[in-house]
Protein backbone atom coordinates (compact mmCIF):
# COMPACT_ATOMS: atom_id res chain seq x y z
CA UNK A 1 166.81 92.85 132.49
CA UNK A 2 167.15 96.36 133.94
CA UNK A 3 167.91 95.02 137.40
CA UNK A 4 170.51 92.63 136.02
CA UNK A 5 172.20 95.49 134.14
CA UNK A 6 172.29 97.68 137.23
CA UNK A 7 173.55 94.80 139.41
CA UNK A 8 176.35 94.01 136.96
CA UNK A 9 177.26 97.70 136.70
CA UNK A 10 177.54 97.80 140.51
CA UNK A 11 179.90 94.82 140.45
CA UNK A 12 182.06 96.47 137.78
CA UNK A 13 182.19 99.73 139.76
CA UNK A 14 183.10 97.90 142.98
CA UNK A 15 185.89 96.01 141.21
CA UNK A 16 187.85 99.21 140.65
CA UNK A 17 189.53 97.89 137.51
CA UNK A 18 187.18 99.61 135.10
CA UNK A 19 186.31 103.17 134.15
CA UNK A 20 183.80 104.99 131.91
CA UNK A 21 180.99 102.68 133.05
CA UNK A 22 177.79 103.45 131.17
CA UNK A 23 174.49 101.57 131.39
CA UNK A 24 172.40 101.89 128.24
CA UNK A 25 169.17 100.28 129.37
CA UNK A 26 166.79 101.77 126.80
CA UNK A 27 168.57 100.50 123.69
CA UNK A 28 166.96 97.70 121.66
CA UNK A 29 169.64 95.45 123.13
CA UNK A 30 170.48 96.90 126.56
CA UNK A 31 174.22 97.00 127.20
CA UNK A 32 176.83 98.13 129.69
CA UNK A 33 179.83 99.89 128.19
CA UNK A 34 183.04 100.20 130.19
CA UNK A 35 186.78 100.45 129.77
CA UNK A 36 189.54 98.33 131.27
CA UNK A 37 191.61 100.66 133.43
CA UNK A 38 194.93 98.87 132.88
CA UNK A 39 194.81 98.51 129.09
CA UNK A 40 192.31 101.16 128.06
CA UNK A 41 190.41 98.52 126.08
CA UNK A 42 186.76 99.43 125.55
CA UNK A 43 184.36 96.62 126.46
CA UNK A 44 180.63 96.04 126.46
CA UNK A 45 178.27 93.33 127.55
CA UNK A 46 174.59 92.72 127.01
CA UNK A 47 171.90 90.70 128.74
CA UNK A 48 168.97 88.73 127.41
CA UNK A 49 170.50 87.81 124.07
CA UNK A 50 170.31 84.04 123.89
CA UNK A 51 172.25 83.81 120.64
CA UNK A 52 175.43 85.51 121.91
CA UNK A 53 177.39 82.33 122.56
CA UNK A 54 176.27 80.86 119.23
CA UNK A 55 177.28 84.05 117.38
CA UNK A 56 180.69 84.08 119.04
CA UNK A 57 181.29 80.48 118.01
CA UNK A 58 180.27 81.28 114.43
CA UNK A 59 182.66 84.24 114.28
CA UNK A 60 185.47 82.04 115.63
CA UNK A 61 184.75 79.38 112.98
CA UNK A 62 184.87 82.07 110.27
CA UNK A 63 188.17 83.40 111.59
CA UNK A 64 189.60 79.88 111.69
CA UNK A 65 188.43 79.16 108.13
CA UNK A 66 189.40 82.58 106.71
CA UNK A 67 192.57 83.73 108.53
CA UNK A 68 192.73 86.90 106.39
CA UNK A 69 189.38 87.97 107.84
CA UNK A 70 190.87 89.06 111.17
CA UNK A 71 192.94 92.01 109.86
CA UNK A 72 190.11 93.00 107.51
CA UNK A 73 187.66 93.13 110.40
CA UNK A 74 190.12 95.18 112.47
CA UNK A 75 190.56 97.67 109.62
CA UNK A 76 186.79 97.90 109.20
CA UNK A 77 186.28 98.45 112.93
CA UNK A 78 188.88 101.24 112.95
CA UNK A 79 187.33 102.79 109.82
CA UNK A 80 183.91 102.89 111.50
CA UNK A 81 185.38 104.19 114.76
CA UNK A 82 187.19 107.04 112.97
CA UNK A 83 183.88 108.13 111.47
CA UNK A 84 181.95 107.75 114.73
CA UNK A 85 179.87 104.93 113.19
CA UNK A 86 180.94 102.24 115.64
CA UNK A 87 178.03 102.53 118.08
CA UNK A 88 175.12 100.14 117.63
CA UNK A 89 172.48 102.31 119.29
C-alpha cells in the first residue's frame, strides 16, 4: 500500500494541477490529501479499501431517495470544518 500511495503522489505532483499534496501513510486508512489548483477544492483518496465503491453507491442512493439530505450533509461538513473536526485521522 505504501508504494502505491507514493506512486500516486508522484503522479499528482507531476501533473501540476494540484497543490498541498500530503501522504498520510500511517493512518488506519492511508490517504493522500491534495487540493485542486484551479478550484481550490480539497480532495483525498485512499488505497486498499475494498468497500469504497459500494459506499459511494449507497450514499448516492440515499441522496436520490432523500433529496433534503444533500444540504444537511453540506451544513454538517461545514460545521465540522469550522471546529477543526473534519479530519478522520
